[in-house]
Amino acid sequence: MSHTRRFAPRGVLAALASLFLLGACASLGVRSGAAEAELATPTPTTLKAESYQKDPRGKYVLIDVEHNELRFMDGKQVLWSAPVGTGTGFRLADETHGEWEFSTPTGVHFVQYKELDPVWNLPDWFFIENKLKVPPANSPLRKRKGELGVAAVYLGHDLAIHGTDKPELLGQQVSHGCIRLSNADVQRLFHNVQVGTPVVIVGRAKVVHESADSSAKPVKKAVKKAPAPTNPLAKLSTAQLLARLDGQLKASDTTTAWTKTASELVERGIKNDALALRGILSRAGRAEGTARSREYATFLADAFTRGSLRAVVSLARIDEAARARAASAIVHATMDLYAGRLSQPGAPWPTRRVPQERLGPAGQAGWKALQEAEGVYRATAAMNRMLTETAAR
């Protein structure tokens, strides 16, 4: 998959020299299993990458194409970081289909949707690059599983952060424009972000060739294709996973093993495992350290977004103190991942996802806990805004 700049066929290139079209990264029409928000995509405020570096706000993803590194940020705090693969900057030309530039675009982007086990819809350049006949747009020959890793976070029609079966190449300019992460890290990021989360791409990529029309390919080491990922946690019972999570959340070191355990529990919980969902909700606020606690809250927000009705009922079925902690974590994580104004109609307030009238008596306590947490969040935001305005006078 890639982000590409696509140029006109050479026969008409001179007439269209000032124009270019975005090429297909993966022709992202396939959304089977996509975890899309139940609300309309939030309309974010107009922001520039520089503003995030000078005055960071909330949670967002920062990608440095100069150093090939991704950082999941909470304000100025780095919650975690990992090496990535970014665009080579090379160009590919074809007299019939046009030209593509395989670069990773800088600037502020926003998560459009995300998907587990994504399917790659092969773009034209894939066939041209591999000297194959380009099939029709709807041809089954374009569908390929496994190439994008275990998950993908889409920033647009032709740009995504996705996994890879070649982790040895991370930290280099090796992609067709998209951002590659290890499968473990992209699964983690999948739970961290929501629709509307800002992804800030900064830096100046190294120049890997001089000719603007170069169609040369980057030199890569011969790497054996990694075997399909396995999930050893799938063999454990939910009770065993929850016990495992307890120990990992309380660990004093910086291990990230808890993210895999939490991921398995989230996936079980939003399907049909009530014990798993209640278990992860009731553990809100129990993680060791501020960074781990804040990131754990994003896993709860993900579980709520993808299974809102089930999550509200589960909130009502845990004890009152745990319910308040979980509701607060969900509200804070959800709204801190949103770059728009809190008053916008599309703002993703959790209570908007589940109308109160749809809930029976068993779910009312969960909905009210979210409502109370939203009230606290609004009041705190208003107070911070007033203090900022006062200080600016």
Protein backbone atom coordinates (compact mmCIF):
# COMPACT_ATOMS: atom_id res chain seq x y z
CA MET A 1 0.00 0.00 0.00
CA SER A 2 1.18 3.51 -0.62
CA HIS A 3 0.41 7.14 -0.82
CA THR A 4 1.27 8.29 -4.31
CA ARG A 5 1.20 11.40 -6.38
CA ARG A 6 -0.12 10.35 -9.77
CA PHE A 7 0.70 12.31 -12.91
CA ALA A 8 -0.91 12.34 -16.34
CA PRO A 9 0.16 9.98 -19.15
CA ARG A 10 3.22 11.24 -20.98
CA GLY A 11 1.22 11.88 -24.14
CA VAL A 12 -0.67 14.73 -22.45
CA LEU A 13 1.81 15.53 -19.68
CA ALA A 14 2.88 18.84 -21.22
CA ALA A 15 -0.72 20.10 -21.37
CA LEU A 16 -1.36 19.09 -17.78
CA ALA A 17 2.01 19.92 -16.29
CA SER A 18 0.52 21.98 -13.51
CA LEU A 19 -1.95 19.33 -12.37
CA PHE A 20 -1.62 16.05 -10.54
CA LEU A 21 -4.00 13.47 -9.12
CA LEU A 22 -3.63 11.36 -6.02
CA GLY A 23 -2.94 7.78 -7.06
CA ALA A 24 -4.28 4.61 -5.47
CA CYS A 25 -2.61 3.58 -2.26
CA ALA A 26 -4.83 0.58 -1.90
CA SER A 27 -8.09 1.63 -3.50
CA LEU A 28 -9.66 1.67 -0.10
CA GLY A 29 -13.20 0.79 -1.08
CA VAL A 30 -13.04 -2.44 0.89
CA ARG A 31 -14.24 -1.83 4.41
CA SER A 32 -15.28 -5.29 5.49
CA GLY A 33 -14.97 -5.43 9.27
CA ALA A 34 -14.04 -1.75 9.47
CA ALA A 35 -14.45 -0.23 12.92
CA GLU A 36 -16.11 3.00 11.87
CA ALA A 37 -17.67 5.47 14.27
CA GLU A 38 -21.43 5.33 14.68
CA LEU A 39 -21.53 9.12 14.44
CA ALA A 40 -20.60 11.09 11.34
CA THR A 41 -16.88 11.73 11.00
CA PRO A 42 -16.10 14.72 13.25
CA THR A 43 -15.21 17.94 11.48
CA PRO A 44 -11.89 19.01 13.00
CA THR A 45 -10.63 22.52 13.32
CA THR A 46 -8.16 23.78 10.75
CA LEU A 47 -4.74 23.04 12.21
CA LYS A 48 -1.15 23.11 11.01
CA ALA A 49 1.66 20.76 11.91
CA GLU A 50 3.63 23.65 13.39
CA SER A 51 0.84 24.41 15.87
CA TYR A 52 1.07 20.91 17.29
CA GLN A 53 4.79 21.21 17.83
CA LYS A 54 4.48 24.62 19.51
CA ASP A 55 1.24 24.07 21.42
CA PRO A 56 0.36 20.34 21.53
CA ARG A 57 -3.14 19.46 22.65
CA GLY A 58 -4.83 16.19 23.57
CA LYS A 59 -3.74 12.89 22.11
CA TYR A 60 -2.47 12.58 18.57
CA VAL A 61 -0.07 10.61 16.39
CA LEU A 62 3.21 12.23 15.36
CA ILE A 63 5.20 10.74 12.47
CA ASP A 64 8.71 12.00 11.71
CA VAL A 65 9.62 11.06 8.13
CA GLU A 66 13.17 12.33 8.55
CA HIS A 67 13.91 9.87 11.36
CA ASN A 68 11.28 7.29 10.35
CA GLU A 69 9.65 7.20 13.76
CA LEU A 70 6.04 7.22 15.00
CA ARG A 71 5.14 8.63 18.40
CA PHE A 72 1.77 8.40 20.11
CA MET A 73 1.51 11.68 21.98
CA ASP A 74 -0.49 13.02 24.90
CA GLY A 75 0.26 16.74 24.76
CA LYS A 76 4.04 16.91 25.05
CA GLN A 77 4.35 13.45 26.59
CA VAL A 78 5.37 10.52 24.40
CA LEU A 79 3.23 7.57 25.45
CA TRP A 80 5.13 5.24 23.13
CA SER A 81 7.23 5.30 19.98
CA ALA A 82 8.28 2.87 17.27
CA PRO A 83 10.24 2.78 13.99
CA VAL A 84 8.26 3.07 10.76
CA GLY A 85 8.80 2.60 7.07
CA THR A 86 7.99 5.63 4.91
CA GLY A 87 7.89 6.55 1.21
CA THR A 88 10.94 6.22 -0.98
CA GLY A 89 10.20 9.31 -3.04
CA PHE A 90 10.88 7.40 -6.24
CA ARG A 91 8.78 7.82 -9.37
CA LEU A 92 7.27 5.25 -11.66
CA ALA A 93 6.22 6.15 -15.20
CA ASP A 94 3.95 4.40 -17.69
CA GLU A 95 2.97 5.83 -21.08
CA THR A 96 -0.60 4.57 -20.79
CA HIS A 97 -1.47 4.86 -17.11
CA GLY A 98 0.59 7.87 -16.01
CA GLU A 99 3.24 8.54 -13.37
CA TRP A 100 3.38 8.08 -9.61
CA GLU A 101 5.58 9.57 -6.94
CA PHE A 102 5.95 7.33 -3.90
CA SER A 103 6.27 9.84 -1.08
CA THR A 104 4.75 10.22 2.38
CA PRO A 105 2.90 13.56 2.57
CA THR A 106 3.62 15.84 5.51
CA GLY A 107 0.98 17.98 7.25
CA VAL A 108 -2.00 17.33 9.51
CA HIS A 109 -4.22 14.39 8.59
CA PHE A 110 -7.12 12.77 10.45
CA VAL A 111 -8.11 9.15 10.99
CA GLN A 112 -10.96 8.35 8.59
CA TYR A 113 -11.56 4.74 9.63
CA LYS A 114 -9.65 1.69 10.81
CA GLU A 115 -9.75 -1.98 10.01
CA LEU A 116 -8.55 -5.32 11.36
CA ASP A 117 -7.20 -7.88 8.88
CA PRO A 118 -7.40 -5.39 5.99
CA VAL A 119 -7.63 -6.44 2.35
CA TRP A 120 -5.39 -4.67 -0.15
CA ASN A 121 -7.07 -3.61 -3.37
CA LEU A 122 -4.02 -3.58 -5.66
CA PRO A 123 -3.57 -0.26 -7.51
CA ASP A 124 -2.48 0.14 -11.13
CA TRP A 125 1.12 0.88 -10.23
CA PHE A 126 1.49 -2.53 -8.56
CA PHE A 127 0.91 -4.31 -11.87
CA ILE A 128 3.03 -1.88 -13.85
CA GLU A 129 5.90 -2.12 -11.38
CA ASN A 130 5.76 -5.92 -11.56
CA LYS A 131 5.38 -5.92 -15.37
CA LEU A 132 1.89 -7.42 -15.26
CA LYS A 133 -1.21 -6.61 -17.26
CA VAL A 134 -3.41 -4.08 -15.45
CA PRO A 135 -6.81 -5.71 -14.75
CA PRO A 136 -10.19 -3.93 -14.59
CA ALA A 137 -10.92 -1.91 -11.45
CA ASN A 138 -13.34 -4.51 -10.06
CA SER A 139 -11.24 -7.56 -10.93
CA PRO A 140 -10.73 -10.18 -8.19
CA LEU A 141 -7.06 -10.17 -9.20
CA ARG A 142 -6.76 -6.89 -7.30
CA LYS A 143 -7.76 -8.36 -3.95
CA ARG A 144 -4.95 -9.54 -1.70
CA LYS A 145 -5.03 -10.49 1.97
CA GLY A 146 -2.17 -10.32 4.43
CA GLU A 147 -0.07 -7.66 2.68
CA LEU A 148 -1.15 -4.87 5.04
CA GLY A 149 -0.50 -6.75 8.26
CA VAL A 150 -2.97 -7.34 11.06
CA ALA A 151 -4.52 -3.84 11.05
CA ALA A 152 -4.68 -0.56 9.18
CA VAL A 153 -5.52 2.99 10.20
CA TYR A 154 -6.70 4.94 7.15
CA LEU A 155 -5.96 8.65 6.76
CA GLY A 156 -7.53 8.99 3.34
CA HIS A 157 -8.39 7.13 0.16
CA ASP A 158 -4.76 6.36 -0.60
CA LEU A 159 -2.88 6.84 2.66
CA ALA A 160 -2.74 4.56 5.69
CA ILE A 161 -0.68 3.36 8.60
CA HIS A 162 -0.57 -0.42 8.37
CA GLY A 163 1.33 -3.51 9.44
CA THR A 164 4.02 -5.37 7.57
CA ASP A 165 5.42 -8.87 7.14
CA LYS A 166 8.93 -7.42 6.80
CA PRO A 167 9.69 -5.73 10.15
CA GLU A 168 13.42 -5.86 9.33
CA LEU A 169 12.91 -2.97 6.90
CA LEU A 170 11.33 -0.59 9.42
CA GLY A 171 13.23 2.60 10.11
CA GLN A 172 13.93 3.14 6.41
CA GLN A 173 12.40 4.77 3.34
CA VAL A 174 10.99 1.60 1.84
CA SER A 175 7.27 2.07 1.18
CA HIS A 176 5.24 3.41 -1.70
CA GLY A 177 4.12 6.26 0.56
CA CYS A 178 2.09 4.69 3.35
CA ILE A 179 3.48 4.32 6.85
CA ARG A 180 4.48 0.81 7.88
CA LEU A 181 4.55 -0.40 11.48
CA SER A 182 5.29 -3.79 13.00
CA ASN A 183 2.16 -5.89 13.41
CA ALA A 184 2.36 -5.61 17.21
CA ASP A 185 2.63 -1.82 17.07
CA VAL A 186 -0.11 -1.30 14.47
CA GLN A 187 -2.47 -3.46 16.54
CA ARG A 188 -1.67 -1.23 19.51
CA LEU A 189 -2.24 1.93 17.46
CA PHE A 190 -5.54 0.52 16.20
CA HIS A 191 -6.86 0.59 19.78
CA ASN A 192 -5.28 3.98 20.59
CA VAL A 193 -6.95 6.09 17.89
CA GLN A 194 -10.48 6.98 16.86
CA VAL A 195 -12.12 8.52 13.80
CA GLY A 196 -11.03 12.16 13.79
CA THR A 197 -7.76 11.62 15.68
CA PRO A 198 -5.06 13.95 14.29
CA VAL A 199 -2.02 12.38 12.63
CA VAL A 200 0.72 14.96 12.26
CA ILE A 201 3.43 14.09 9.73
CA VAL A 202 6.55 16.25 9.94
CA GLY A 203 10.15 16.33 8.79
CA ARG A 204 11.96 16.36 5.52
CA ALA A 205 12.65 12.97 4.01
CA LYS A 206 16.19 12.25 2.89
CA VAL A 207 16.84 12.58 -0.81
CA VAL A 208 17.46 9.09 -2.14
CA HIS A 209 17.87 10.03 -5.81
CA GLU A 210 18.61 13.15 -7.80
CA SER A 211 16.59 12.70 -10.99
CA ALA A 212 12.99 13.89 -10.77
CA ASP A 213 11.99 11.27 -13.31
CA SER A 214 13.92 8.40 -11.78
CA SER A 215 11.98 5.17 -11.74
CA ALA A 216 14.74 3.30 -9.93
CA LYS A 217 13.79 1.17 -6.98
CA PRO A 218 15.39 1.32 -3.52
CA VAL A 219 18.02 -1.27 -2.75
CA LYS A 220 16.60 -3.75 -0.27
CA LYS A 221 18.20 -6.65 1.47
CA ALA A 222 16.79 -10.03 0.62
CA VAL A 223 14.38 -10.79 3.43
CA LYS A 224 12.38 -13.93 3.84
CA LYS A 225 8.68 -13.36 4.19
CA ALA A 226 7.67 -13.65 7.82
CA PRO A 227 5.22 -16.42 8.69
CA ALA A 228 1.60 -15.51 9.32
CA PRO A 229 1.24 -14.09 12.84
CA THR A 230 -0.19 -16.37 15.49
CA ASN A 231 -2.07 -15.43 18.64
CA PRO A 232 -1.03 -17.54 21.64
CA LEU A 233 -3.42 -15.57 23.88
CA ALA A 234 -6.38 -17.06 22.05
CA LYS A 235 -5.78 -20.32 23.92
CA LEU A 236 -6.23 -18.70 27.34
CA SER A 237 -9.59 -18.39 29.08
CA THR A 238 -10.98 -14.92 29.77
CA ALA A 239 -10.38 -15.38 33.49
CA GLN A 240 -6.74 -16.26 32.79
CA LEU A 241 -6.37 -13.19 30.56
CA LEU A 242 -7.82 -10.89 33.20
CA ALA A 243 -5.43 -12.28 35.82
CA ARG A 244 -2.59 -11.80 33.37
CA LEU A 245 -3.69 -8.21 32.69
CA ASP A 246 -3.78 -7.41 36.41
CA GLY A 247 -0.13 -8.32 36.77
CA GLN A 248 0.92 -6.49 33.61
CA LEU A 249 -0.89 -3.25 34.48
CA LYS A 250 0.77 -3.20 37.89
CA ALA A 251 4.27 -4.05 36.62
CA SER A 252 6.77 -1.35 37.58
CA ASP A 253 8.86 -1.74 34.41
CA THR A 254 8.06 -0.34 30.99
CA THR A 255 6.95 -3.60 29.39
CA THR A 256 4.20 -3.31 26.79
CA ALA A 257 2.93 -6.88 27.03
CA TRP A 258 -0.29 -5.55 28.58
CA THR A 259 -1.31 -4.07 25.22
CA LYS A 260 -1.60 -7.52 23.61
CA THR A 261 -3.60 -8.87 26.55
CA ALA A 262 -5.90 -5.86 26.56
CA SER A 263 -6.34 -6.16 22.78
CA GLU A 264 -7.45 -9.78 23.06
CA LEU A 265 -9.93 -8.88 25.82
CA VAL A 266 -11.34 -5.94 23.84
CA GLU A 267 -11.93 -8.13 20.79
CA ARG A 268 -13.67 -10.77 22.89
CA GLY A 269 -15.69 -8.17 24.76
CA ILE A 270 -17.17 -6.40 21.74
CA LYS A 271 -18.20 -9.73 20.22
CA ASN A 272 -20.06 -11.65 22.92
CA ASP A 273 -17.86 -12.14 26.00
CA ALA A 274 -19.53 -10.14 28.77
CA LEU A 275 -16.90 -11.18 31.33
CA ALA A 276 -14.12 -9.77 29.15
CA LEU A 277 -15.88 -6.46 28.60
CA ARG A 278 -16.80 -5.98 32.25
CA GLY A 279 -13.27 -7.01 33.17
CA ILE A 280 -11.46 -4.42 31.09
CA LEU A 281 -13.90 -1.69 32.13
CA SER A 282 -13.54 -2.43 35.83
CA ARG A 283 -9.74 -2.13 35.59
CA ALA A 284 -9.83 1.54 34.59
CA GLY A 285 -7.47 3.59 36.73
CA ARG A 286 -5.52 0.56 37.99
CA ALA A 287 -2.52 0.83 35.68
CA GLU A 288 0.88 1.71 37.11
CA GLY A 289 2.10 5.14 35.99
CA THR A 290 0.38 8.03 34.27
CA ALA A 291 1.42 7.11 30.71
CA ARG A 292 0.15 3.54 30.99
CA SER A 293 -3.08 4.67 32.62
CA ARG A 294 -3.75 7.23 29.88
CA GLU A 295 -3.06 4.73 27.14
CA TYR A 296 -5.22 2.08 28.79
CA ALA A 297 -8.08 4.56 28.65
CA THR A 298 -7.78 4.63 24.84
CA PHE A 299 -8.39 0.86 24.77
CA LEU A 300 -11.60 1.42 26.76
CA ALA A 301 -12.65 4.21 24.37
CA ASP A 302 -12.04 1.84 21.45
CA ALA A 303 -14.16 -0.88 23.05
CA PHE A 304 -16.93 1.64 23.65
CA THR A 305 -16.82 3.10 20.13
CA ARG A 306 -17.00 -0.30 18.47
CA GLY A 307 -19.60 -1.79 20.81
CA SER A 308 -21.38 1.12 22.45
CA LEU A 309 -24.63 -0.53 23.51
CA ARG A 310 -22.89 -3.56 24.96
CA ALA A 311 -20.37 -1.32 26.76
CA VAL A 312 -23.05 0.85 28.37
CA VAL A 313 -24.84 -2.22 29.73
CA SER A 314 -21.53 -3.60 30.99
CA LEU A 315 -20.79 -0.31 32.74
CA ALA A 316 -24.08 -0.64 34.60
CA ARG A 317 -23.12 -4.13 35.78
CA ILE A 318 -19.84 -3.29 37.52
CA ASP A 319 -19.63 -1.69 40.95
CA GLU A 320 -20.29 2.03 41.29
CA ALA A 321 -16.70 3.14 41.94
CA ALA A 322 -15.34 1.15 38.99
CA ARG A 323 -18.21 2.45 36.84
CA ALA A 324 -17.27 6.05 37.58
CA ARG A 325 -13.59 5.42 36.82
CA ALA A 326 -14.37 3.63 33.56
CA ALA A 327 -16.87 6.28 32.41
CA SER A 328 -14.36 9.03 33.13
CA ALA A 329 -11.63 7.15 31.24
CA ILE A 330 -13.88 6.63 28.21
CA VAL A 331 -14.98 10.28 28.07
CA HIS A 332 -11.50 11.71 28.55
CA ALA A 333 -9.83 9.41 26.04
CA THR A 334 -12.57 9.90 23.43
CA MET A 335 -12.64 13.68 23.64
CA ASP A 336 -8.84 14.05 23.99
CA LEU A 337 -8.50 12.20 20.66
CA TYR A 338 -10.82 14.71 18.98
CA ALA A 339 -9.39 17.88 17.42
CA GLY A 340 -12.64 19.75 16.81
CA ARG A 341 -14.66 22.09 18.98
CA LEU A 342 -16.57 20.40 21.77
CA SER A 343 -19.73 22.26 20.72
CA GLN A 344 -19.72 20.97 17.15
CA PRO A 345 -22.68 18.74 16.18
CA GLY A 346 -20.26 15.99 15.16
CA ALA A 347 -18.31 16.02 18.42
CA PRO A 348 -18.10 12.36 19.56
CA TRP A 349 -19.58 12.65 23.06
CA PRO A 350 -20.10 9.03 24.19
CA THR A 351 -23.73 9.53 25.25
CA ARG A 352 -24.58 10.52 21.66
CA ARG A 353 -23.73 7.02 20.48
CA VAL A 354 -26.42 5.36 22.59
CA PRO A 355 -29.74 7.23 22.95
CA GLN A 356 -30.94 6.84 26.53
CA GLU A 357 -34.40 5.73 25.42
CA ARG A 358 -32.91 2.64 23.78
CA LEU A 359 -31.67 1.36 27.11
CA GLY A 360 -33.68 -0.75 29.48
CA PRO A 361 -33.45 -0.36 33.25
CA ALA A 362 -30.24 -2.44 33.30
CA GLY A 363 -28.34 0.07 31.17
CA GLN A 364 -29.45 3.36 32.71
CA ALA A 365 -26.72 3.45 35.36
CA GLY A 366 -24.01 3.12 32.71
CA TRP A 367 -25.46 5.90 30.56
CA LYS A 368 -25.82 8.25 33.54
CA ALA A 369 -22.22 7.57 34.58
CA LEU A 370 -21.08 8.68 31.12
CA GLN A 371 -23.34 11.74 31.31
CA GLU A 372 -21.82 12.75 34.65
CA ALA A 373 -18.28 12.24 33.31
CA GLU A 374 -19.10 14.40 30.29
CA GLY A 375 -20.34 17.15 32.60
CA VAL A 376 -17.06 17.11 34.50
CA TYR A 377 -15.09 17.15 31.24
CA ARG A 378 -17.07 20.16 29.92
CA ALA A 379 -16.64 22.05 33.18
CA THR A 380 -12.90 21.40 33.24
CA ALA A 381 -12.53 22.46 29.60
CA ALA A 382 -14.47 25.68 30.29
CA MET A 383 -12.30 26.44 33.32
CA ASN A 384 -9.09 25.85 31.36
CA ARG A 385 -10.34 28.08 28.56
CA MET A 386 -11.18 30.87 31.02
CA LEU A 387 -7.74 30.61 32.66
CA THR A 388 -6.05 30.75 29.24
CA GLU A 389 -8.06 33.82 28.21
CA THR A 390 -7.31 35.53 31.55
CA ALA A 391 -3.59 34.85 31.22
CA ALA A 392 -3.59 36.26 27.68
CA ARG A 393 -5.03 39.61 28.77
